[in-house]
C-alpha atoms as a PDB file:
ATOM      1  CA  MET A   1    -122.313 -78.794-119.458  1.00  0.00           C
ATOM      2  CA  SER A   2    -119.950 -81.202-117.845  1.00  0.00           C
ATOM      3  CA  GLY A   3    -119.561 -84.926-118.265  1.00  0.00           C
ATOM      4  CA  SER A   4    -118.954 -87.269-121.110  1.00  0.00           C
ATOM      5  CA  PHE A   5    -121.142 -87.966-124.086  1.00  0.00           C
ATOM      6  CA  ILE A   6    -122.602 -90.990-122.310  1.00  0.00           C
ATOM      7  CA  GLN A   7    -123.079 -89.241-118.951  1.00  0.00           C
ATOM      8  CA  ARG A   8    -125.066 -86.463-120.613  1.00  0.00           C
ATOM      9  CA  GLY A   9    -127.381 -88.965-122.303  1.00  0.00           C
ATOM     10  CA  GLY A  10    -125.595 -89.168-125.626  1.00  0.00           C
ATOM     11  CA  LEU A  11    -126.662 -92.759-126.244  1.00  0.00           C
ATOM     12  CA  TRP A  12    -130.288 -91.600-126.242  1.00  0.00           C
ATOM     13  CA  VAL A  13    -129.388 -88.997-128.847  1.00  0.00           C
ATOM     14  CA  LEU A  14    -127.505 -91.547-130.942  1.00  0.00           C
ATOM     15  CA  ALA A  15    -130.421 -94.006-130.893  1.00  0.00           C
ATOM     16  CA  GLN A  16    -132.800 -91.202-131.866  1.00  0.00           C
ATOM     17  CA  VAL A  17    -130.638 -90.046-134.778  1.00  0.00           C
ATOM     18  CA  VAL A  18    -130.232 -93.600-136.088  1.00  0.00           C
ATOM     19  CA  LEU A  19    -133.980 -94.185-135.970  1.00  0.00           C
ATOM     20  CA  ILE A  20    -134.667 -90.868-137.709  1.00  0.00           C
ATOM     21  CA  LEU A  21    -132.246 -91.812-140.494  1.00  0.00           C
ATOM     22  CA  VAL A  22    -133.871 -95.238-140.835  1.00  0.00           C
ATOM     23  CA  VAL A  23    -137.294 -93.611-141.240  1.00  0.00           C
ATOM     24  CA  ILE A  24    -136.050 -91.103-143.811  1.00  0.00           C
ATOM     25  CA  VAL A  25    -134.135 -93.623-145.901  1.00  0.00           C
ATOM     26  CA  SER A  26    -136.835 -96.311-145.650  1.00  0.00           C
ATOM     27  CA  GLY A  27    -139.495 -93.889-146.770  1.00  0.00           C
ATOM     28  CA  VAL A  28    -137.628 -93.084-149.945  1.00  0.00           C
ATOM     29  CA  ALA A  29    -136.226 -96.574-150.595  1.00  0.00           C
ATOM     30  CA  TRP A  30    -139.506 -98.474-150.081  1.00  0.00           C
ATOM     31  CA  ARG A  31    -142.076 -95.942-151.244  1.00  0.00           C
ATOM     32  CA  HIS A  32    -145.510 -96.409-152.750  1.00  0.00           C
ATOM     33  CA  GLN A  33    -146.227 -99.720-151.042  1.00  0.00           C
ATOM     34  CA  TRP A  34    -149.887 -98.735-151.054  1.00  0.00           C
ATOM     35  CA  GLN A  35    -151.949 -96.131-152.867  1.00  0.00           C
ATOM     36  CA  SER A  36    -154.072 -93.788-150.784  1.00  0.00           C
ATOM     37  CA  ALA A  37    -154.745 -90.094-151.100  1.00  0.00           C
ATOM     38  CA  TRP A  38    -155.886 -90.140-147.453  1.00  0.00           C
ATOM     39  CA  SER A  39    -152.485 -91.451-146.399  1.00  0.00           C
ATOM     40  CA  VAL A  40    -150.769 -88.565-148.125  1.00  0.00           C
ATOM     41  CA  PHE A  41    -153.254 -86.053-146.667  1.00  0.00           C
ATOM     42  CA  VAL A  42    -152.921 -87.372-143.095  1.00  0.00           C
ATOM     43  CA  GLY A  43    -149.152 -87.575-143.491  1.00  0.00           C
ATOM     44  CA  ALA A  44    -148.963 -83.978-144.702  1.00  0.00           C
ATOM     45  CA  CYS A  45    -151.107 -82.840-141.756  1.00  0.00           C
ATOM     46  CA  LEU A  46    -148.801 -84.677-139.343  1.00  0.00           C
ATOM     47  CA  LEU A  47    -145.742 -83.122-141.004  1.00  0.00           C
ATOM     48  CA  LEU A  48    -147.269 -79.663-140.656  1.00  0.00           C
ATOM     49  CA  ALA A  49    -148.403 -80.172-137.051  1.00  0.00           C
ATOM     50  CA  GLY A  50    -145.038 -81.641-136.085  1.00  0.00           C
ATOM     51  CA  GLY A  51    -143.168 -78.823-137.771  1.00  0.00           C
ATOM     52  CA  VAL A  52    -145.186 -76.165-135.961  1.00  0.00           C
ATOM     53  CA  CYS A  53    -144.825 -77.955-132.641  1.00  0.00           C
ATOM     54  CA  GLY A  54    -141.074 -78.419-133.078  1.00  0.00           C
ATOM     55  CA  LEU A  55    -140.452 -74.831-134.137  1.00  0.00           C
ATOM     56  CA  ALA A  56    -142.518 -73.559-131.211  1.00  0.00           C
ATOM     57  CA  GLY A  57    -140.472 -75.735-128.858  1.00  0.00           C
ATOM     58  CA  VAL A  58    -137.161 -74.528-130.253  1.00  0.00           C
ATOM     59  CA  ALA A  59    -138.308 -70.900-130.082  1.00  0.00           C
ATOM     60  CA  ALA A  60    -139.477 -71.220-126.466  1.00  0.00           C
ATOM     61  CA  LEU A  61    -136.289 -72.985-125.359  1.00  0.00           C
ATOM     62  CA  GLY A  62    -133.957 -70.466-126.938  1.00  0.00           C
ATOM     63  CA  ARG A  63    -130.475 -70.848-125.444  1.00  0.00           C
ATOM     64  CA  ASN A  64    -131.618 -73.782-123.309  1.00  0.00           C
ATOM     65  CA  LEU A  65    -131.822 -76.004-126.397  1.00  0.00           C
ATOM     66  CA  THR A  66    -129.637 -79.099-126.320  1.00  0.00           C
ATOM     67  CA  ALA A  67    -129.911 -82.508-127.954  1.00  0.00           C
ATOM     68  CA  TYR A  68    -128.881 -84.138-124.706  1.00  0.00           C
ATOM     69  CA  PRO A  69    -131.551 -85.120-122.187  1.00  0.00           C
ATOM     70  CA  GLN A  70    -129.444 -83.807-119.315  1.00  0.00           C
ATOM     71  CA  PRO A  71    -130.009 -80.065-118.842  1.00  0.00           C
ATOM     72  CA  SER A  72    -126.940 -77.870-119.130  1.00  0.00           C
ATOM     73  CA  LEU A  73    -125.594 -76.063-116.081  1.00  0.00           C
ATOM     74  CA  ARG A  74    -126.745 -72.712-117.492  1.00  0.00           C
ATOM     75  CA  ALA A  75    -130.257 -73.980-118.338  1.00  0.00           C
ATOM     76  CA  ARG A  76    -133.420 -72.440-116.958  1.00  0.00           C
ATOM     77  CA  LEU A  77    -136.713 -74.222-116.629  1.00  0.00           C
ATOM     78  CA  VAL A  78    -138.986 -73.093-119.460  1.00  0.00           C
ATOM     79  CA  GLN A  79    -142.719 -73.193-118.742  1.00  0.00           C
ATOM     80  CA  THR A  80    -143.880 -70.595-121.261  1.00  0.00           C
ATOM     81  CA  GLY A  81    -144.936 -70.739-124.895  1.00  0.00           C
ATOM     82  CA  ILE A  82    -145.792 -74.237-126.014  1.00  0.00           C
ATOM     83  CA  TYR A  83    -144.293 -75.526-122.762  1.00  0.00           C
ATOM     84  CA  ARG A  84    -147.471 -74.328-121.019  1.00  0.00           C
ATOM     85  CA  TRP A  85    -149.294 -77.111-122.861  1.00  0.00           C
ATOM     86  CA  ILE A  86    -146.761 -79.955-123.222  1.00  0.00           C
ATOM     87  CA  ARG A  87    -143.466 -80.745-121.514  1.00  0.00           C
ATOM     88  CA  HIS A  88    -141.670 -82.146-124.573  1.00  0.00           C
ATOM     89  CA  PRO A  89    -142.883 -80.401-127.745  1.00  0.00           C
ATOM     90  CA  ILE A  90    -139.768 -81.249-129.736  1.00  0.00           C
ATOM     91  CA  TYR A  91    -140.284 -84.942-128.988  1.00  0.00           C
ATOM     92  CA  THR A  92    -143.947 -84.515-129.898  1.00  0.00           C
ATOM     93  CA  ALA A  93    -142.771 -83.029-133.191  1.00  0.00           C
ATOM     94  CA  GLY A  94    -140.768 -86.168-133.906  1.00  0.00           C
ATOM     95  CA  LEU A  95    -143.753 -88.318-133.000  1.00  0.00           C
ATOM     96  CA  CYS A  96    -145.766 -86.455-135.648  1.00  0.00           C
ATOM     97  CA  VAL A  97    -143.192 -85.801-138.363  1.00  0.00           C
ATOM     98  CA  LEU A  98    -141.801 -89.326-138.646  1.00  0.00           C
ATOM     99  CA  PRO A  99    -145.133 -91.119-139.126  1.00  0.00           C
ATOM    100  CA  GLY A 100    -146.167 -88.230-141.364  1.00  0.00           C
ATOM    101  CA  TRP A 101    -143.122 -88.790-143.547  1.00  0.00           C
ATOM    102  CA  SER A 102    -143.901 -92.513-143.684  1.00  0.00           C
ATOM    103  CA  LEU A 103    -147.513 -91.914-144.698  1.00  0.00           C
ATOM    104  CA  VAL A 104    -146.604 -89.403-147.389  1.00  0.00           C
ATOM    105  CA  TRP A 105    -144.114 -91.868-148.888  1.00  0.00           C
ATOM    106  CA  GLN A 106    -146.530 -94.762-148.224  1.00  0.00           C
ATOM    107  CA  SER A 107    -143.796 -96.962-146.793  1.00  0.00           C
ATOM    108  CA  TRP A 108    -144.411 -99.803-144.338  1.00  0.00           C
ATOM    109  CA  PRO A 109    -140.748-100.099-143.225  1.00  0.00           C
ATOM    110  CA  ALA A 110    -140.607 -96.359-142.569  1.00  0.00           C
ATOM    111  CA  LEU A 111    -143.896 -96.457-140.664  1.00  0.00           C
ATOM    112  CA  LEU A 112    -142.716 -99.334-138.471  1.00  0.00           C
ATOM    113  CA  ALA A 113    -139.481 -97.504-137.697  1.00  0.00           C
ATOM    114  CA  ALA A 114    -141.434 -94.301-137.015  1.00  0.00           C
ATOM    115  CA  LEU A 115    -143.680 -96.121-134.562  1.00  0.00           C
ATOM    116  CA  ALA A 116    -140.587 -97.434-132.758  1.00  0.00           C
ATOM    117  CA  MET A 117    -139.721 -93.817-131.991  1.00  0.00           C
ATOM    118  CA  GLY A 118    -142.669 -93.642-129.559  1.00  0.00           C
ATOM    119  CA  PRO A 119    -141.229 -95.952-126.899  1.00  0.00           C
ATOM    120  CA  LEU A 120    -137.745 -94.528-127.432  1.00  0.00           C
ATOM    121  CA  LEU A 121    -138.813 -90.916-126.910  1.00  0.00           C
ATOM    122  CA  ASP A 122    -141.041 -91.856-123.985  1.00  0.00           C
ATOM    123  CA  ALA A 123    -138.096 -93.558-122.248  1.00  0.00           C
ATOM    124  CA  LYS A 124    -135.768 -90.654-123.117  1.00  0.00           C
ATOM    125  CA  ALA A 125    -138.313 -88.161-121.726  1.00  0.00           C
ATOM    126  CA  ARG A 126    -138.606 -90.154-118.484  1.00  0.00           C
ATOM    127  CA  ARG A 127    -134.828 -90.092-118.055  1.00  0.00           C
ATOM    128  CA  GLU A 128    -134.699 -86.394-118.876  1.00  0.00           C
ATOM    129  CA  GLU A 129    -137.431 -85.699-116.333  1.00  0.00           C
ATOM    130  CA  ARG A 130    -135.433 -87.388-113.562  1.00  0.00           C
ATOM    131  CA  TRP A 131    -132.552 -85.010-114.335  1.00  0.00           C
ATOM    132  CA  LEU A 132    -134.920 -82.041-114.514  1.00  0.00           C
ATOM    133  CA  ARG A 133    -136.410 -82.856-111.089  1.00  0.00           C
ATOM    134  CA  GLN A 134    -132.890 -83.009-109.639  1.00  0.00           C
ATOM    135  CA  ARG A 135    -131.877 -79.714-111.223  1.00  0.00           C
ATOM    136  CA  PHE A 136    -135.134 -77.777-110.730  1.00  0.00           C
ATOM    137  CA  PRO A 137    -137.166 -78.392-107.551  1.00  0.00           C
ATOM    138  CA  GLU A 138    -140.206 -76.759-109.184  1.00  0.00           C
ATOM    139  CA  TYR A 139    -140.212 -79.334-111.990  1.00  0.00           C
ATOM    140  CA  ALA A 140    -142.275 -81.818-109.943  1.00  0.00           C
ATOM    141  CA  ARG A 141    -145.165 -79.336-109.745  1.00  0.00           C
ATOM    142  CA  TYR A 142    -144.850 -78.516-113.451  1.00  0.00           C
ATOM    143  CA  GLN A 143    -144.771 -82.228-114.275  1.00  0.00           C
ATOM    144  CA  ALA A 144    -147.970 -82.801-112.295  1.00  0.00           C
ATOM    145  CA  GLU A 145    -149.777 -79.990-114.144  1.00  0.00           C
ATOM    146  CA  VAL A 146    -148.590 -80.363-117.758  1.00  0.00           C
ATOM    147  CA  LYS A 147    -148.798 -83.533-119.864  1.00  0.00           C
ATOM    148  CA  ARG A 148    -145.719 -85.038-121.501  1.00  0.00           C
ATOM    149  CA  PHE A 149    -146.571 -85.166-125.232  1.00  0.00           C
ATOM    150  CA  LEU A 150    -150.252 -84.411-125.880  1.00  0.00           C
ATOM    151  CA  PRO A 151    -152.153 -81.654-124.030  1.00  0.00           C
ATOM    152  CA  TRP A 152    -154.666 -82.975-121.452  1.00  0.00           C
ATOM    153  CA  VAL A 153    -154.044 -86.578-122.616  1.00  0.00           C
ATOM    154  CA  TYR A 154    -150.474 -87.858-122.149  1.00  0.00           C
END
């Protein structure tokens, strides 16, 4: 991969890491702001679903995995495994795991920060997709057929 940290999309990665840390720390620091067994149950389900989705994404990407939204020069377009169903399963994992963490810890600040990850990852995915269309001509067809984060929905 060539280019500087910023050229490769490093600021997106930095923003994502900061928000993840805010969610983790807030969950622990401001926990038990409400009492609900359902919150813990739903949060645990989101953690599990996000974990499975993220691991499936990492496994399908293999050597193509990078934190940067710009694909590496050696990257290949992956359309198999979980990528048959969603274009960004690792982002989907974050969109499940972070609210899940917040619900398990029952933390409003963590939940608010987790919800802020939605617009951030959507914008990062849009930028990444522009690079993917430039690098892989077949990406436009794939993009038209496969939803971004949630199968058949979005």
